[in-house]
Amino acid sequence: MTATAENILIAGTHDFVSPYVYRAAREAFPEETRIWMLGTGPLAGIPADLSSGRVELPAKMEYVIYTDATDASQLDHTKLMPIADNLIASLQQAPPRAFVYISTAGVYGKTAGDGLAESTPTTPATDFDRAKLAVEQRLTEWCRDNGVALAILRPAPVVGTGMGGELRTMVNRIYRATYRHVTGDESRISVVHATDLASAAVRLLGAEGIFNVTDGIDPTRHALAEALCSRLDRKRIYSLSAKRMKLIARIGDWLPITVYNTRRLKQQTSTLTYDASRLRQALPDWHPSSVTDYLVSHVYDSSSL
């Protein structure tokens, strides 16, 4: 990463990761560097709805970090490409040196797998993930044509204040006491904390390529649920045998009166992990926190995100 820059643009203030990116950039760059937040909401220093058109930027941006949405709960998938196109149009007169796009590991389209690397074929299964992959491709073409270094991050599910998707569903079910461990289940899941994702994004400015992002621990789903339970100050999560859970899931397939069905149970008991060794080779001094340890031990205060 180049150590100096006059202006850095963080685009996508509606995504919950953007405050983490701002903090990471502020810590990494000199005080005189201006960091601009472009988007909607109270964090935006350049308030604009990119889905409505291009924006007149106040200065040339040397670096751009773009976080449109880390999961489908953050933004309607139909807005992803129009926003990307309008961001590109806003930068066209003075392209940056480097661009980082925070995409998602969902573009691989897998519901199970162990150690999936960046070479894994992309076969996204949802409209949101298909739209994210299309944005990746659009940015790749534009950066190539304009001599801009592009790094694409594909994070595992992201933990942090404001998170959505599968992890938010897990949190909600734990909070409502409807989540159950499956006795004997040892399935694992890759995750990453938003603080570490943001740090990687800033450190990769100037790098090129596609990088999976995880905490490198790949906790069991049991351990992750327990850590979330601890964070919520819940007393315990009850366990049920695999046989009984399958019966409940089959009932849920026909009578949706339970929170479980066959699809959800299969997801909960399947390993889904990603190989982030390429990122660690690119950033040997980047050491992410264990998400489960962070959830259990971090002391939240007024400065916490």
C-alpha atoms as a PDB file:
ATOM      1  CA  MET A   1       0.000   0.000   0.000  1.00  0.00           C
ATOM      2  CA  THR A   2       1.252   3.460  -0.869  1.00  0.00           C
ATOM      3  CA  ALA A   3       1.724   5.336   2.411  1.00  0.00           C
ATOM      4  CA  THR A   4       0.523   8.757   1.282  1.00  0.00           C
ATOM      5  CA  ALA A   5      -2.537  10.110  -0.455  1.00  0.00           C
ATOM      6  CA  GLU A   6      -4.358  13.414  -0.496  1.00  0.00           C
ATOM      7  CA  ASN A   7      -7.874  11.999  -0.787  1.00  0.00           C
ATOM      8  CA  ILE A   8      -9.441   8.611  -0.108  1.00  0.00           C
ATOM      9  CA  LEU A   9     -13.025   7.800  -1.017  1.00  0.00           C
ATOM     10  CA  ILE A  10     -15.114   5.276   0.908  1.00  0.00           C
ATOM     11  CA  ALA A  11     -18.237   4.640  -1.120  1.00  0.00           C
ATOM     12  CA  GLY A  12     -21.272   2.874   0.335  1.00  0.00           C
ATOM     13  CA  THR A  13     -22.145   4.414   3.690  1.00  0.00           C
ATOM     14  CA  HIS A  14     -25.398   2.423   3.848  1.00  0.00           C
ATOM     15  CA  ASP A  15     -23.402  -0.797   4.413  1.00  0.00           C
ATOM     16  CA  PHE A  16     -22.616  -1.608   8.050  1.00  0.00           C
ATOM     17  CA  VAL A  17     -18.950  -2.239   7.223  1.00  0.00           C
ATOM     18  CA  SER A  18     -18.268   1.371   6.097  1.00  0.00           C
ATOM     19  CA  PRO A  19     -17.674   2.823   9.610  1.00  0.00           C
ATOM     20  CA  TYR A  20     -15.105   0.095  10.222  1.00  0.00           C
ATOM     21  CA  VAL A  21     -13.410   0.964   6.921  1.00  0.00           C
ATOM     22  CA  TYR A  22     -13.320   4.640   7.856  1.00  0.00           C
ATOM     23  CA  ARG A  23     -11.682   3.872  11.191  1.00  0.00           C
ATOM     24  CA  ALA A  24      -9.120   1.562   9.594  1.00  0.00           C
ATOM     25  CA  ALA A  25      -8.245   4.178   6.954  1.00  0.00           C
ATOM     26  CA  ARG A  26      -7.998   6.920   9.543  1.00  0.00           C
ATOM     27  CA  GLU A  27      -5.544   4.813  11.551  1.00  0.00           C
ATOM     28  CA  ALA A  28      -3.478   3.858   8.491  1.00  0.00           C
ATOM     29  CA  PHE A  29      -3.056   7.221   6.772  1.00  0.00           C
ATOM     30  CA  PRO A  30      -1.522  10.513   7.956  1.00  0.00           C
ATOM     31  CA  GLU A  31      -3.769  13.053   9.639  1.00  0.00           C
ATOM     32  CA  GLU A  32      -3.586  15.403   6.659  1.00  0.00           C
ATOM     33  CA  THR A  33      -5.126  12.793   4.344  1.00  0.00           C
ATOM     34  CA  ARG A  34      -8.774  13.564   3.691  1.00  0.00           C
ATOM     35  CA  ILE A  35     -11.114  10.599   3.910  1.00  0.00           C
ATOM     36  CA  TRP A  36     -14.430  11.137   2.185  1.00  0.00           C
ATOM     37  CA  MET A  37     -17.565   9.071   2.815  1.00  0.00           C
ATOM     38  CA  LEU A  38     -19.909   8.915  -0.177  1.00  0.00           C
ATOM     39  CA  GLY A  39     -23.480   7.675   0.118  1.00  0.00           C
ATOM     40  CA  THR A  40     -26.642   8.165   2.113  1.00  0.00           C
ATOM     41  CA  GLY A  41     -27.144   8.533   5.841  1.00  0.00           C
ATOM     42  CA  PRO A  42     -25.498  10.494   8.639  1.00  0.00           C
ATOM     43  CA  LEU A  43     -21.960   9.231   7.935  1.00  0.00           C
ATOM     44  CA  ALA A  44     -21.816  10.640   4.427  1.00  0.00           C
ATOM     45  CA  GLY A  45     -19.533  13.632   3.996  1.00  0.00           C
ATOM     46  CA  ILE A  46     -20.571  13.567   0.335  1.00  0.00           C
ATOM     47  CA  PRO A  47     -24.310  12.892   0.703  1.00  0.00           C
ATOM     48  CA  ALA A  48     -25.629  11.376  -2.505  1.00  0.00           C
ATOM     49  CA  ASP A  49     -27.769   8.497  -3.705  1.00  0.00           C
ATOM     50  CA  LEU A  50     -25.619   6.793  -6.318  1.00  0.00           C
ATOM     51  CA  SER A  51     -28.584   4.774  -7.515  1.00  0.00           C
ATOM     52  CA  SER A  52     -29.980   8.038  -8.947  1.00  0.00           C
ATOM     53  CA  GLY A  53     -26.965   9.108 -10.993  1.00  0.00           C
ATOM     54  CA  ARG A  54     -23.314  10.126 -11.012  1.00  0.00           C
ATOM     55  CA  VAL A  55     -21.895  12.492  -8.395  1.00  0.00           C
ATOM     56  CA  GLU A  56     -19.616  15.510  -8.781  1.00  0.00           C
ATOM     57  CA  LEU A  57     -16.713  14.689  -6.482  1.00  0.00           C
ATOM     58  CA  PRO A  58     -14.995  17.551  -4.620  1.00  0.00           C
ATOM     59  CA  ALA A  59     -11.461  16.364  -5.455  1.00  0.00           C
ATOM     60  CA  LYS A  60      -9.469  13.702  -7.256  1.00  0.00           C
ATOM     61  CA  MET A  61      -9.517  10.512  -5.232  1.00  0.00           C
ATOM     62  CA  GLU A  62      -6.227   8.615  -5.148  1.00  0.00           C
ATOM     63  CA  TYR A  63      -7.779   5.556  -3.533  1.00  0.00           C
ATOM     64  CA  VAL A  64     -11.316   4.139  -3.474  1.00  0.00           C
ATOM     65  CA  ILE A  65     -12.735   1.490  -1.149  1.00  0.00           C
ATOM     66  CA  TYR A  66     -16.195   0.398  -2.209  1.00  0.00           C
ATOM     67  CA  THR A  67     -18.497  -1.556   0.116  1.00  0.00           C
ATOM     68  CA  ASP A  68     -21.965  -1.635  -1.414  1.00  0.00           C
ATOM     69  CA  ALA A  69     -23.469  -4.474   0.670  1.00  0.00           C
ATOM     70  CA  THR A  70     -22.017  -7.526   2.369  1.00  0.00           C
ATOM     71  CA  ASP A  71     -25.294  -9.478   2.320  1.00  0.00           C
ATOM     72  CA  ALA A  72     -28.771  -9.268   0.852  1.00  0.00           C
ATOM     73  CA  SER A  73     -30.243  -7.632   3.965  1.00  0.00           C
ATOM     74  CA  GLN A  74     -28.134  -4.508   3.415  1.00  0.00           C
ATOM     75  CA  LEU A  75     -29.321  -3.483  -0.059  1.00  0.00           C
ATOM     76  CA  ASP A  76     -31.750  -4.552  -2.790  1.00  0.00           C
ATOM     77  CA  HIS A  77     -29.793  -6.541  -5.370  1.00  0.00           C
ATOM     78  CA  THR A  78     -31.368  -4.581  -8.244  1.00  0.00           C
ATOM     79  CA  LYS A  79     -29.501  -1.468  -7.062  1.00  0.00           C
ATOM     80  CA  LEU A  80     -26.027  -3.002  -7.031  1.00  0.00           C
ATOM     81  CA  MET A  81     -25.156  -2.550 -10.705  1.00  0.00           C
ATOM     82  CA  PRO A  82     -26.708   0.931 -11.156  1.00  0.00           C
ATOM     83  CA  ILE A  83     -24.791   2.172  -8.110  1.00  0.00           C
ATOM     84  CA  ALA A  84     -21.538   0.660  -9.392  1.00  0.00           C
ATOM     85  CA  ASP A  85     -22.054   2.198 -12.832  1.00  0.00           C
ATOM     86  CA  ASN A  86     -22.724   5.625 -11.343  1.00  0.00           C
ATOM     87  CA  LEU A  87     -19.686   5.358  -9.074  1.00  0.00           C
ATOM     88  CA  ILE A  88     -17.543   4.540 -12.103  1.00  0.00           C
ATOM     89  CA  ALA A  89     -19.048   7.492 -13.999  1.00  0.00           C
ATOM     90  CA  SER A  90     -18.247   9.762 -11.065  1.00  0.00           C
ATOM     91  CA  LEU A  91     -14.593   8.659 -11.185  1.00  0.00           C
ATOM     92  CA  GLN A  92     -14.199   8.581 -14.959  1.00  0.00           C
ATOM     93  CA  GLN A  93     -12.621  12.020 -15.422  1.00  0.00           C
ATOM     94  CA  ALA A  94      -9.916  11.319 -12.838  1.00  0.00           C
ATOM     95  CA  PRO A  95      -9.567   7.575 -12.140  1.00  0.00           C
ATOM     96  CA  PRO A  96      -7.889   6.637  -8.839  1.00  0.00           C
ATOM     97  CA  ARG A  97      -4.573   4.847  -8.459  1.00  0.00           C
ATOM     98  CA  ALA A  98      -6.168   1.890  -6.734  1.00  0.00           C
ATOM     99  CA  PHE A  99      -9.602   0.465  -6.020  1.00  0.00           C
ATOM    100  CA  VAL A 100     -10.720  -2.114  -3.469  1.00  0.00           C
ATOM    101  CA  TYR A 101     -14.134  -3.744  -3.789  1.00  0.00           C
ATOM    102  CA  ILE A 102     -15.645  -5.677  -0.877  1.00  0.00           C
ATOM    103  CA  SER A 103     -17.668  -8.429  -2.516  1.00  0.00           C
ATOM    104  CA  THR A 104     -18.782 -11.688  -0.859  1.00  0.00           C
ATOM    105  CA  ALA A 105     -17.781 -15.339  -0.733  1.00  0.00           C
ATOM    106  CA  GLY A 106     -21.404 -15.963  -1.691  1.00  0.00           C
ATOM    107  CA  VAL A 107     -20.371 -15.628  -5.351  1.00  0.00           C
ATOM    108  CA  TYR A 108     -19.046 -19.193  -5.156  1.00  0.00           C
ATOM    109  CA  GLY A 109     -22.625 -20.331  -4.648  1.00  0.00           C
ATOM    110  CA  LYS A 110     -21.699 -23.115  -2.231  1.00  0.00           C
ATOM    111  CA  THR A 111     -23.712 -24.241   0.776  1.00  0.00           C
ATOM    112  CA  ALA A 112     -21.074 -26.784   1.787  1.00  0.00           C
ATOM    113  CA  GLY A 113     -17.372 -27.214   1.207  1.00  0.00           C
ATOM    114  CA  ASP A 114     -14.074 -27.206   3.043  1.00  0.00           C
ATOM    115  CA  GLY A 115     -11.239 -24.806   2.220  1.00  0.00           C
ATOM    116  CA  LEU A 116     -12.726 -23.281  -0.915  1.00  0.00           C
ATOM    117  CA  ALA A 117     -10.036 -21.214  -2.659  1.00  0.00           C
ATOM    118  CA  GLU A 118     -10.290 -18.276  -5.072  1.00  0.00           C
ATOM    119  CA  SER A 119      -9.932 -20.755  -7.951  1.00  0.00           C
ATOM    120  CA  THR A 120     -13.308 -22.280  -7.048  1.00  0.00           C
ATOM    121  CA  PRO A 121     -15.751 -21.729  -9.955  1.00  0.00           C
ATOM    122  CA  THR A 122     -18.257 -18.945  -9.306  1.00  0.00           C
ATOM    123  CA  THR A 123     -21.798 -20.288  -9.579  1.00  0.00           C
ATOM    124  CA  PRO A 124     -23.851 -17.877  -7.433  1.00  0.00           C
ATOM    125  CA  ALA A 125     -27.219 -19.283  -6.405  1.00  0.00           C
ATOM    126  CA  THR A 126     -29.113 -16.134  -5.391  1.00  0.00           C
ATOM    127  CA  ASP A 127     -30.034 -12.898  -7.149  1.00  0.00           C
ATOM    128  CA  PHE A 128     -27.933 -10.937  -4.684  1.00  0.00           C
ATOM    129  CA  ASP A 129     -24.807 -13.054  -5.207  1.00  0.00           C
ATOM    130  CA  ARG A 130     -25.277 -12.988  -8.990  1.00  0.00           C
ATOM    131  CA  ALA A 131     -25.480  -9.197  -8.840  1.00  0.00           C
ATOM    132  CA  LYS A 132     -22.321  -9.044  -6.697  1.00  0.00           C
ATOM    133  CA  LEU A 133     -20.439 -11.159  -9.228  1.00  0.00           C
ATOM    134  CA  ALA A 134     -21.654  -8.929 -12.063  1.00  0.00           C
ATOM    135  CA  VAL A 135     -20.317  -5.885 -10.195  1.00  0.00           C
ATOM    136  CA  GLU A 136     -16.969  -7.663  -9.758  1.00  0.00           C
ATOM    137  CA  GLN A 137     -16.802  -8.215 -13.507  1.00  0.00           C
ATOM    138  CA  ARG A 138     -17.815  -4.634 -14.317  1.00  0.00           C
ATOM    139  CA  LEU A 139     -15.182  -3.183 -11.997  1.00  0.00           C
ATOM    140  CA  THR A 140     -12.542  -5.558 -13.361  1.00  0.00           C
ATOM    141  CA  GLU A 141     -13.158  -4.302 -16.895  1.00  0.00           C
ATOM    142  CA  TRP A 142     -13.214  -0.627 -15.909  1.00  0.00           C
ATOM    143  CA  CYS A 143     -10.079  -0.808 -13.782  1.00  0.00           C
ATOM    144  CA  ARG A 144      -8.209  -2.693 -16.502  1.00  0.00           C
ATOM    145  CA  ASP A 145      -9.224  -0.140 -19.145  1.00  0.00           C
ATOM    146  CA  ASN A 146      -8.236   2.802 -16.935  1.00  0.00           C
ATOM    147  CA  GLY A 147      -4.997   1.521 -15.446  1.00  0.00           C
ATOM    148  CA  VAL A 148      -6.383   1.178 -11.917  1.00  0.00           C
ATOM    149  CA  ALA A 149      -5.075  -1.501  -9.543  1.00  0.00           C
ATOM    150  CA  LEU A 150      -8.064  -3.538  -8.366  1.00  0.00           C
ATOM    151  CA  ALA A 151      -8.289  -5.843  -5.358  1.00  0.00           C
ATOM    152  CA  ILE A 152     -11.528  -7.771  -4.837  1.00  0.00           C
ATOM    153  CA  LEU A 153     -12.254  -9.093  -1.353  1.00  0.00           C
ATOM    154  CA  ARG A 154     -14.583 -12.049  -0.887  1.00  0.00           C
ATOM    155  CA  PRO A 155     -15.259 -12.183   2.844  1.00  0.00           C
ATOM    156  CA  ALA A 156     -16.897 -15.044   4.676  1.00  0.00           C
ATOM    157  CA  PRO A 157     -19.980 -14.005   6.717  1.00  0.00           C
ATOM    158  CA  VAL A 158     -19.048 -10.810   8.531  1.00  0.00           C
ATOM    159  CA  VAL A 159     -19.584 -10.301  12.276  1.00  0.00           C
ATOM    160  CA  GLY A 160     -20.083  -6.779  13.560  1.00  0.00           C
ATOM    161  CA  THR A 161     -22.595  -4.188  14.712  1.00  0.00           C
ATOM    162  CA  GLY A 162     -25.365  -4.084  12.117  1.00  0.00           C
ATOM    163  CA  MET A 163     -24.550  -7.440  10.512  1.00  0.00           C
ATOM    164  CA  GLY A 164     -27.238  -9.241   8.566  1.00  0.00           C
ATOM    165  CA  GLY A 165     -27.719 -12.445   6.632  1.00  0.00           C
ATOM    166  CA  GLU A 166     -27.178 -15.907   8.104  1.00  0.00           C
ATOM    167  CA  LEU A 167     -25.413 -14.597  11.190  1.00  0.00           C
ATOM    168  CA  ARG A 168     -28.216 -12.146  12.018  1.00  0.00           C
ATOM    169  CA  THR A 169     -30.696 -15.007  11.677  1.00  0.00           C
ATOM    170  CA  MET A 170     -28.588 -17.072  14.089  1.00  0.00           C
ATOM    171  CA  VAL A 171     -28.419 -14.182  16.570  1.00  0.00           C
ATOM    172  CA  ASN A 172     -32.177 -13.631  16.411  1.00  0.00           C
ATOM    173  CA  ARG A 173     -32.906 -17.310  17.004  1.00  0.00           C
ATOM    174  CA  ILE A 174     -30.472 -17.474  19.938  1.00  0.00           C
ATOM    175  CA  TYR A 175     -32.044 -14.359  21.430  1.00  0.00           C
ATOM    176  CA  ARG A 176     -35.529 -15.863  21.084  1.00  0.00           C
ATOM    177  CA  ALA A 177     -34.321 -19.193  22.501  1.00  0.00           C
ATOM    178  CA  THR A 178     -35.354 -21.076  19.343  1.00  0.00           C
ATOM    179  CA  TYR A 179     -31.845 -22.084  18.249  1.00  0.00           C
ATOM    180  CA  ARG A 180     -30.748 -25.647  19.057  1.00  0.00           C
ATOM    181  CA  HIS A 181     -27.388 -27.378  18.900  1.00  0.00           C
ATOM    182  CA  VAL A 182     -27.374 -30.747  17.149  1.00  0.00           C
ATOM    183  CA  THR A 183     -25.713 -33.317  19.398  1.00  0.00           C
ATOM    184  CA  GLY A 184     -22.450 -34.539  17.916  1.00  0.00           C
ATOM    185  CA  ASP A 185     -22.384 -31.989  15.093  1.00  0.00           C
ATOM    186  CA  GLU A 186     -18.836 -30.809  14.332  1.00  0.00           C
ATOM    187  CA  SER A 187     -19.509 -28.775  11.178  1.00  0.00           C
ATOM    188  CA  ARG A 188     -17.407 -25.642  10.779  1.00  0.00           C
ATOM    189  CA  ILE A 189     -17.968 -22.223   9.256  1.00  0.00           C
ATOM    190  CA  SER A 190     -15.636 -19.456   8.123  1.00  0.00           C
ATOM    191  CA  VAL A 191     -16.332 -16.004   9.540  1.00  0.00           C
ATOM    192  CA  VAL A 192     -14.473 -12.695   9.876  1.00  0.00           C
ATOM    193  CA  HIS A 193     -14.965  -9.665  12.085  1.00  0.00           C
ATOM    194  CA  ALA A 194     -15.748  -6.365  10.351  1.00  0.00           C
ATOM    195  CA  THR A 195     -12.736  -4.756  12.047  1.00  0.00           C
ATOM    196  CA  ASP A 196     -10.369  -7.198  10.368  1.00  0.00           C
ATOM    197  CA  LEU A 197     -12.155  -7.057   7.020  1.00  0.00           C
ATOM    198  CA  ALA A 198     -11.799  -3.264   7.051  1.00  0.00           C
ATOM    199  CA  SER A 199      -8.124  -3.505   7.994  1.00  0.00           C
ATOM    200  CA  ALA A 200      -7.456  -5.912   5.120  1.00  0.00           C
ATOM    201  CA  ALA A 201      -9.284  -3.627   2.670  1.00  0.00           C
ATOM    202  CA  VAL A 202      -7.120  -0.644   3.602  1.00  0.00           C
ATOM    203  CA  ARG A 203      -3.894  -2.647   3.562  1.00  0.00           C
ATOM    204  CA  LEU A 204      -4.680  -4.053   0.103  1.00  0.00           C
ATOM    205  CA  LEU A 205      -4.895  -0.636  -1.559  1.00  0.00           C
ATOM    206  CA  GLY A 206      -2.514  -0.912  -4.499  1.00  0.00           C
ATOM    207  CA  ALA A 207      -2.659  -4.717  -4.623  1.00  0.00           C
ATOM    208  CA  GLU A 208      -4.305  -6.632  -7.452  1.00  0.00           C
ATOM    209  CA  GLY A 209      -6.272  -9.863  -7.466  1.00  0.00           C
ATOM    210  CA  ILE A 210      -9.065 -11.687  -5.664  1.00  0.00           C
ATOM    211  CA  PHE A 211      -8.742 -12.510  -1.972  1.00  0.00           C
ATOM    212  CA  ASN A 212     -10.903 -14.590   0.345  1.00  0.00           C
ATOM    213  CA  VAL A 213     -11.130 -13.082   3.837  1.00  0.00           C
ATOM    214  CA  THR A 214     -11.644 -15.134   7.024  1.00  0.00           C
ATOM    215  CA  ASP A 215     -10.368 -15.063  10.590  1.00  0.00           C
ATOM    216  CA  GLY A 216      -8.345 -18.201   9.852  1.00  0.00           C
ATOM    217  CA  ILE A 217      -9.969 -20.132  12.695  1.00  0.00           C
ATOM    218  CA  ASP A 218     -13.060 -21.632  11.040  1.00  0.00           C
ATOM    219  CA  PRO A 219     -14.865 -22.313  14.330  1.00  0.00           C
ATOM    220  CA  THR A 220     -17.413 -25.044  14.736  1.00  0.00           C
ATOM    221  CA  ARG A 221     -20.960 -23.785  14.381  1.00  0.00           C
ATOM    222  CA  HIS A 222     -21.443 -24.935  17.958  1.00  0.00           C
ATOM    223  CA  ALA A 223     -18.576 -22.691  19.177  1.00  0.00           C
ATOM    224  CA  LEU A 224     -19.790 -19.715  17.136  1.00  0.00           C
ATOM    225  CA  ALA A 225     -23.328 -20.049  18.484  1.00  0.00           C
ATOM    226  CA  GLU A 226     -22.004 -20.275  22.039  1.00  0.00           C
ATOM    227  CA  ALA A 227     -19.885 -17.141  21.531  1.00  0.00           C
ATOM    228  CA  LEU A 228     -22.904 -15.256  20.187  1.00  0.00           C
ATOM    229  CA  CYS A 229     -24.919 -16.559  23.119  1.00  0.00           C
ATOM    230  CA  SER A 230     -22.299 -15.182  25.499  1.00  0.00           C
ATOM    231  CA  ARG A 231     -22.402 -11.815  23.770  1.00  0.00           C
ATOM    232  CA  LEU A 232     -26.199 -11.757  24.151  1.00  0.00           C
ATOM    233  CA  ASP A 233     -25.966 -12.699  27.832  1.00  0.00           C
ATOM    234  CA  ARG A 234     -28.160 -15.735  27.250  1.00  0.00           C
ATOM    235  CA  LYS A 235     -27.734 -18.543  29.785  1.00  0.00           C
ATOM    236  CA  ARG A 236     -27.525 -21.511  27.445  1.00  0.00           C
ATOM    237  CA  ILE A 237     -28.437 -23.115  24.132  1.00  0.00           C
ATOM    238  CA  TYR A 238     -30.169 -26.475  24.425  1.00  0.00           C
ATOM    239  CA  SER A 239     -29.108 -29.500  22.376  1.00  0.00           C
ATOM    240  CA  LEU A 240     -31.216 -32.073  20.592  1.00  0.00           C
ATOM    241  CA  SER A 241     -30.185 -35.370  19.003  1.00  0.00           C
ATOM    242  CA  ALA A 242     -29.702 -35.519  15.243  1.00  0.00           C
ATOM    243  CA  LYS A 243     -32.609 -37.973  14.976  1.00  0.00           C
ATOM    244  CA  ARG A 244     -34.987 -35.665  16.792  1.00  0.00           C
ATOM    245  CA  MET A 245     -33.850 -32.616  14.836  1.00  0.00           C
ATOM    246  CA  LYS A 246     -34.465 -34.431  11.548  1.00  0.00           C
ATOM    247  CA  LEU A 247     -37.985 -35.273  12.698  1.00  0.00           C
ATOM    248  CA  ILE A 248     -38.657 -31.643  13.646  1.00  0.00           C
ATOM    249  CA  ALA A 249     -37.252 -30.527  10.283  1.00  0.00           C
ATOM    250  CA  ARG A 250     -39.530 -32.902   8.357  1.00  0.00           C
ATOM    251  CA  ILE A 251     -42.511 -31.587  10.290  1.00  0.00           C
ATOM    252  CA  GLY A 252     -41.370 -28.056   9.435  1.00  0.00           C
ATOM    253  CA  ASP A 253     -41.317 -28.952   5.719  1.00  0.00           C
ATOM    254  CA  TRP A 254     -45.052 -29.603   5.818  1.00  0.00           C
ATOM    255  CA  LEU A 255     -46.207 -27.398   8.670  1.00  0.00           C
ATOM    256  CA  PRO A 256     -44.098 -24.248   8.990  1.00  0.00           C
ATOM    257  CA  ILE A 257     -44.880 -23.895  12.685  1.00  0.00           C
ATOM    258  CA  THR A 258     -41.276 -24.479  13.773  1.00  0.00           C
ATOM    259  CA  VAL A 259     -38.135 -22.532  12.969  1.00  0.00           C
ATOM    260  CA  TYR A 260     -36.571 -25.630  11.416  1.00  0.00           C
ATOM    261  CA  ASN A 261     -37.054 -27.360   8.092  1.00  0.00           C
ATOM    262  CA  THR A 262     -34.862 -29.753   6.134  1.00  0.00           C
ATOM    263  CA  ARG A 263     -33.077 -26.983   4.235  1.00  0.00           C
ATOM    264  CA  ARG A 264     -32.260 -24.963   7.351  1.00  0.00           C
ATOM    265  CA  LEU A 265     -31.103 -28.018   9.290  1.00  0.00           C
ATOM    266  CA  LYS A 266     -28.815 -29.072   6.431  1.00  0.00           C
ATOM    267  CA  GLN A 267     -27.313 -25.586   6.343  1.00  0.00           C
ATOM    268  CA  GLN A 268     -26.713 -25.613  10.103  1.00  0.00           C
ATOM    269  CA  THR A 269     -24.970 -28.989  10.007  1.00  0.00           C
ATOM    270  CA  SER A 270     -22.835 -28.465   6.866  1.00  0.00           C
ATOM    271  CA  THR A 271     -19.229 -27.307   6.873  1.00  0.00           C
ATOM    272  CA  LEU A 272     -18.592 -24.223   4.737  1.00  0.00           C
ATOM    273  CA  THR A 273     -15.061 -22.833   4.954  1.00  0.00           C
ATOM    274  CA  TYR A 274     -12.824 -20.760   2.704  1.00  0.00           C
ATOM    275  CA  ASP A 275      -9.074 -20.763   2.158  1.00  0.00           C
ATOM    276  CA  ALA A 276      -7.635 -17.289   2.855  1.00  0.00           C
ATOM    277  CA  SER A 277      -3.950 -18.218   2.451  1.00  0.00           C
ATOM    278  CA  ARG A 278      -3.583 -15.906  -0.567  1.00  0.00           C
ATOM    279  CA  LEU A 279      -4.509 -12.930   1.611  1.00  0.00           C
ATOM    280  CA  ARG A 280      -2.067 -13.963   4.314  1.00  0.00           C
ATOM    281  CA  GLN A 281       0.706 -14.218   1.751  1.00  0.00           C
ATOM    282  CA  ALA A 282      -0.118 -10.725   0.482  1.00  0.00           C
ATOM    283  CA  LEU A 283      -0.364  -9.306   4.037  1.00  0.00           C
ATOM    284  CA  PRO A 284       2.065 -11.254   6.245  1.00  0.00           C
ATOM    285  CA  ASP A 285       1.706  -8.713   9.069  1.00  0.00           C
ATOM    286  CA  TRP A 286      -2.120  -8.849   9.049  1.00  0.00           C
ATOM    287  CA  HIS A 287      -3.302 -10.903  12.017  1.00  0.00           C
ATOM    288  CA  PRO A 288      -7.095 -11.103  12.340  1.00  0.00           C
ATOM    289  CA  SER A 289      -8.792 -11.824  15.642  1.00  0.00           C
ATOM    290  CA  SER A 290     -10.609 -15.055  16.317  1.00  0.00           C
ATOM    291  CA  VAL A 291     -14.260 -14.058  16.000  1.00  0.00           C
ATOM    292  CA  THR A 292     -15.333 -16.387  18.796  1.00  0.00           C
ATOM    293  CA  ASP A 293     -12.636 -15.039  21.141  1.00  0.00           C
ATOM    294  CA  TYR A 294     -13.548 -11.466  20.240  1.00  0.00           C
ATOM    295  CA  LEU A 295     -17.230 -12.019  20.983  1.00  0.00           C
ATOM    296  CA  VAL A 296     -16.473 -13.543  24.373  1.00  0.00           C
ATOM    297  CA  SER A 297     -13.647 -11.283  25.559  1.00  0.00           C
ATOM    298  CA  HIS A 298     -14.011  -7.858  23.913  1.00  0.00           C
ATOM    299  CA  VAL A 299     -15.063  -5.160  26.355  1.00  0.00           C
ATOM    300  CA  TYR A 300     -17.465  -2.881  24.519  1.00  0.00           C
ATOM    301  CA  ASP A 301     -17.388   0.802  25.350  1.00  0.00           C
ATOM    302  CA  SER A 302     -18.433   4.126  23.827  1.00  0.00           C
ATOM    303  CA  SER A 303     -15.710   3.864  21.170  1.00  0.00           C
ATOM    304  CA  SER A 304     -16.740   0.388  19.997  1.00  0.00           C
ATOM    305  CA  LEU A 305     -18.460  -0.029  16.675  1.00  0.00           C
END
